[in-house]
Amino acid sequence: MTAQAHDNVTLQIVGQASRLPNGDHEVLKQHVRRYLYVFYALLFGTLITVGASYIPFGNHAINVAVALFIACGKASLVAGFFMHLISERKLIYGLLGFTVIFFLGLMFLTVYSYADFPPLTVTH
């Protein structure tokens, strides 16, 4: 996106927000600029993910780990900026931490259950 197109998008959004008080137009421009930077970072992350999918790292598990590492970075951008979690209180981070702990526990139980078949169970 060129600088002129970027300014046109910003002006259209600011034009639609003509009911804002006088000082808020600059704040709105800053927010739009920040969202565009995050969008560009997400596009770059997508390109890196696609590029990394063509690189043979020698093991399928390493390929998956690299893709998940890039996806976690992109998810943190989305959660931090688009969901406004970057400026939240500690309570939100505590709840998010408990959610991660319970999610990992459920994943551990799922993987653990694969090794716990009853006797005489036919597996393929």
C-alpha atoms as a PDB file:
ATOM      1  CA  MET A   1       0.000   0.000   0.000  1.00  0.00           C
ATOM      2  CA  THR A   2       1.471   3.339  -0.993  1.00  0.00           C
ATOM      3  CA  ALA A   3       1.736   6.319   1.317  1.00  0.00           C
ATOM      4  CA  GLN A   4      -1.000   8.137  -0.609  1.00  0.00           C
ATOM      5  CA  ALA A   5      -3.363   5.145  -0.349  1.00  0.00           C
ATOM      6  CA  HIS A   6      -2.523   4.896   3.362  1.00  0.00           C
ATOM      7  CA  ASP A   7      -3.417   8.583   3.823  1.00  0.00           C
ATOM      8  CA  ASN A   8      -6.632   8.129   1.820  1.00  0.00           C
ATOM      9  CA  VAL A   9      -7.727   5.231   4.048  1.00  0.00           C
ATOM     10  CA  THR A  10      -6.915   7.274   7.127  1.00  0.00           C
ATOM     11  CA  LEU A  11      -8.799  10.299   5.792  1.00  0.00           C
ATOM     12  CA  GLN A  12     -11.835   8.180   4.927  1.00  0.00           C
ATOM     13  CA  ILE A  13     -11.944   6.775   8.451  1.00  0.00           C
ATOM     14  CA  VAL A  14     -11.375  10.199   9.965  1.00  0.00           C
ATOM     15  CA  GLY A  15     -14.014  11.664   7.648  1.00  0.00           C
ATOM     16  CA  GLN A  16     -16.533   9.107   8.871  1.00  0.00           C
ATOM     17  CA  ALA A  17     -15.701  10.038  12.447  1.00  0.00           C
ATOM     18  CA  SER A  18     -16.545  13.727  12.041  1.00  0.00           C
ATOM     19  CA  ARG A  19     -18.531  13.633  15.268  1.00  0.00           C
ATOM     20  CA  LEU A  20     -15.333  13.302  17.301  1.00  0.00           C
ATOM     21  CA  PRO A  21     -14.092  16.227  19.363  1.00  0.00           C
ATOM     22  CA  ASN A  22     -11.332  18.316  17.774  1.00  0.00           C
ATOM     23  CA  GLY A  23      -8.328  16.707  19.490  1.00  0.00           C
ATOM     24  CA  ASP A  24      -9.379  13.110  18.799  1.00  0.00           C
ATOM     25  CA  HIS A  25      -8.628  13.118  15.060  1.00  0.00           C
ATOM     26  CA  GLU A  26      -4.885  12.793  15.673  1.00  0.00           C
ATOM     27  CA  VAL A  27      -5.490   9.992  18.168  1.00  0.00           C
ATOM     28  CA  LEU A  28      -7.619   8.194  15.593  1.00  0.00           C
ATOM     29  CA  LYS A  29      -4.890   8.579  12.966  1.00  0.00           C
ATOM     30  CA  GLN A  30      -2.349   7.088  15.383  1.00  0.00           C
ATOM     31  CA  HIS A  31      -4.608   4.097  16.087  1.00  0.00           C
ATOM     32  CA  VAL A  32      -5.201   3.476  12.392  1.00  0.00           C
ATOM     33  CA  ARG A  33      -1.460   3.694  11.735  1.00  0.00           C
ATOM     34  CA  ARG A  34      -0.784   1.187  14.530  1.00  0.00           C
ATOM     35  CA  TYR A  35      -3.405  -1.217  13.177  1.00  0.00           C
ATOM     36  CA  LEU A  36      -1.908  -0.965   9.703  1.00  0.00           C
ATOM     37  CA  TYR A  37       1.563  -1.751  11.065  1.00  0.00           C
ATOM     38  CA  VAL A  38       0.180  -4.810  12.851  1.00  0.00           C
ATOM     39  CA  PHE A  39      -1.589  -5.826   9.629  1.00  0.00           C
ATOM     40  CA  TYR A  40       1.690  -5.534   7.702  1.00  0.00           C
ATOM     41  CA  ALA A  41       3.442  -7.600  10.380  1.00  0.00           C
ATOM     42  CA  LEU A  42       0.752 -10.287  10.073  1.00  0.00           C
ATOM     43  CA  LEU A  43       1.167 -10.344   6.295  1.00  0.00           C
ATOM     44  CA  PHE A  44       4.924 -10.675   6.735  1.00  0.00           C
ATOM     45  CA  GLY A  45       4.373 -13.504   9.228  1.00  0.00           C
ATOM     46  CA  THR A  46       2.126 -15.267   6.737  1.00  0.00           C
ATOM     47  CA  LEU A  47       4.793 -14.975   4.046  1.00  0.00           C
ATOM     48  CA  ILE A  48       7.394 -16.356   6.448  1.00  0.00           C
ATOM     49  CA  THR A  49       5.082 -19.265   7.327  1.00  0.00           C
ATOM     50  CA  VAL A  50       4.551 -20.123   3.673  1.00  0.00           C
ATOM     51  CA  GLY A  51       8.271 -19.811   2.984  1.00  0.00           C
ATOM     52  CA  ALA A  52       9.160 -21.992   5.956  1.00  0.00           C
ATOM     53  CA  SER A  53       6.774 -24.693   4.733  1.00  0.00           C
ATOM     54  CA  TYR A  54       9.003 -25.211   1.695  1.00  0.00           C
ATOM     55  CA  ILE A  55      12.195 -25.592   3.752  1.00  0.00           C
ATOM     56  CA  PRO A  56      13.001 -29.206   4.651  1.00  0.00           C
ATOM     57  CA  PHE A  57      14.272 -29.099   8.217  1.00  0.00           C
ATOM     58  CA  GLY A  58      14.952 -32.836   8.189  1.00  0.00           C
ATOM     59  CA  ASN A  59      12.143 -33.857  10.499  1.00  0.00           C
ATOM     60  CA  HIS A  60       8.402 -33.319  10.211  1.00  0.00           C
ATOM     61  CA  ALA A  61       8.173 -32.439  13.896  1.00  0.00           C
ATOM     62  CA  ILE A  62      10.659 -29.590  13.452  1.00  0.00           C
ATOM     63  CA  ASN A  63       8.608 -28.228  10.534  1.00  0.00           C
ATOM     64  CA  VAL A  64       5.503 -28.266  12.722  1.00  0.00           C
ATOM     65  CA  ALA A  65       7.377 -26.626  15.608  1.00  0.00           C
ATOM     66  CA  VAL A  66       8.615 -23.799  13.355  1.00  0.00           C
ATOM     67  CA  ALA A  67       5.111 -23.232  11.990  1.00  0.00           C
ATOM     68  CA  LEU A  68       3.659 -23.194  15.517  1.00  0.00           C
ATOM     69  CA  PHE A  69       6.332 -20.748  16.696  1.00  0.00           C
ATOM     70  CA  ILE A  70       5.451 -18.334  13.886  1.00  0.00           C
ATOM     71  CA  ALA A  71       1.714 -18.839  14.538  1.00  0.00           C
ATOM     72  CA  CYS A  72       2.201 -18.010  18.229  1.00  0.00           C
ATOM     73  CA  GLY A  73       3.896 -14.761  17.265  1.00  0.00           C
ATOM     74  CA  LYS A  74       1.048 -13.832  14.944  1.00  0.00           C
ATOM     75  CA  ALA A  75      -1.546 -14.817  17.558  1.00  0.00           C
ATOM     76  CA  SER A  76       0.150 -12.613  20.129  1.00  0.00           C
ATOM     77  CA  LEU A  77      -0.076  -9.658  17.715  1.00  0.00           C
ATOM     78  CA  VAL A  78      -3.778 -10.284  17.156  1.00  0.00           C
ATOM     79  CA  ALA A  79      -4.504 -10.743  20.858  1.00  0.00           C
ATOM     80  CA  GLY A  80      -2.367  -7.821  21.925  1.00  0.00           C
ATOM     81  CA  PHE A  81      -3.479  -5.173  19.466  1.00  0.00           C
ATOM     82  CA  PHE A  82      -6.785  -6.167  17.869  1.00  0.00           C
ATOM     83  CA  MET A  83      -8.243  -7.588  21.088  1.00  0.00           C
ATOM     84  CA  HIS A  84      -6.625  -4.779  23.149  1.00  0.00           C
ATOM     85  CA  LEU A  85      -5.018  -7.191  25.614  1.00  0.00           C
ATOM     86  CA  ILE A  86      -1.743  -5.274  25.545  1.00  0.00           C
ATOM     87  CA  SER A  87      -3.201  -2.651  27.865  1.00  0.00           C
ATOM     88  CA  GLU A  88      -5.300  -4.868  30.137  1.00  0.00           C
ATOM     89  CA  ARG A  89      -4.986  -5.367  33.867  1.00  0.00           C
ATOM     90  CA  LYS A  90      -3.227  -8.189  35.667  1.00  0.00           C
ATOM     91  CA  LEU A  91      -6.519 -10.036  36.228  1.00  0.00           C
ATOM     92  CA  ILE A  92      -6.863 -10.679  32.510  1.00  0.00           C
ATOM     93  CA  TYR A  93      -3.309 -12.026  32.350  1.00  0.00           C
ATOM     94  CA  GLY A  94      -4.015 -14.286  35.327  1.00  0.00           C
ATOM     95  CA  LEU A  95      -7.121 -15.693  33.648  1.00  0.00           C
ATOM     96  CA  LEU A  96      -5.207 -16.156  30.421  1.00  0.00           C
ATOM     97  CA  GLY A  97      -2.447 -17.987  32.311  1.00  0.00           C
ATOM     98  CA  PHE A  98      -4.940 -20.360  33.939  1.00  0.00           C
ATOM     99  CA  THR A  99      -6.503 -20.989  30.531  1.00  0.00           C
ATOM    100  CA  VAL A 100      -3.113 -21.932  29.098  1.00  0.00           C
ATOM    101  CA  ILE A 101      -2.378 -24.231  32.047  1.00  0.00           C
ATOM    102  CA  PHE A 102      -5.732 -26.027  31.725  1.00  0.00           C
ATOM    103  CA  PHE A 103      -5.321 -26.293  27.945  1.00  0.00           C
ATOM    104  CA  LEU A 104      -1.881 -27.865  28.322  1.00  0.00           C
ATOM    105  CA  GLY A 105      -3.284 -30.236  30.949  1.00  0.00           C
ATOM    106  CA  LEU A 106      -6.036 -31.361  28.601  1.00  0.00           C
ATOM    107  CA  MET A 107      -3.531 -31.867  25.782  1.00  0.00           C
ATOM    108  CA  PHE A 108      -1.315 -33.911  28.127  1.00  0.00           C
ATOM    109  CA  LEU A 109      -4.266 -36.098  29.120  1.00  0.00           C
ATOM    110  CA  THR A 110      -5.166 -36.636  25.474  1.00  0.00           C
ATOM    111  CA  VAL A 111      -1.645 -37.696  24.526  1.00  0.00           C
ATOM    112  CA  TYR A 112      -1.345 -39.819  27.679  1.00  0.00           C
ATOM    113  CA  SER A 113      -4.576 -41.665  26.860  1.00  0.00           C
ATOM    114  CA  TYR A 114      -3.080 -43.038  23.642  1.00  0.00           C
ATOM    115  CA  ALA A 115      -0.746 -45.249  25.684  1.00  0.00           C
ATOM    116  CA  ASP A 116      -3.491 -46.506  28.001  1.00  0.00           C
ATOM    117  CA  PHE A 117      -5.530 -48.939  25.914  1.00  0.00           C
ATOM    118  CA  PRO A 118      -7.468 -51.704  27.706  1.00  0.00           C
ATOM    119  CA  PRO A 119      -6.106 -55.262  27.274  1.00  0.00           C
ATOM    120  CA  LEU A 120      -6.974 -57.040  24.001  1.00  0.00           C
ATOM    121  CA  THR A 121      -7.835 -53.770  22.254  1.00  0.00           C
ATOM    122  CA  VAL A 122      -7.303 -53.924  18.506  1.00  0.00           C
ATOM    123  CA  THR A 123      -5.338 -50.941  17.213  1.00  0.00           C
ATOM    124  CA  HIS A 124      -4.547 -50.248  13.602  1.00  0.00           C
END
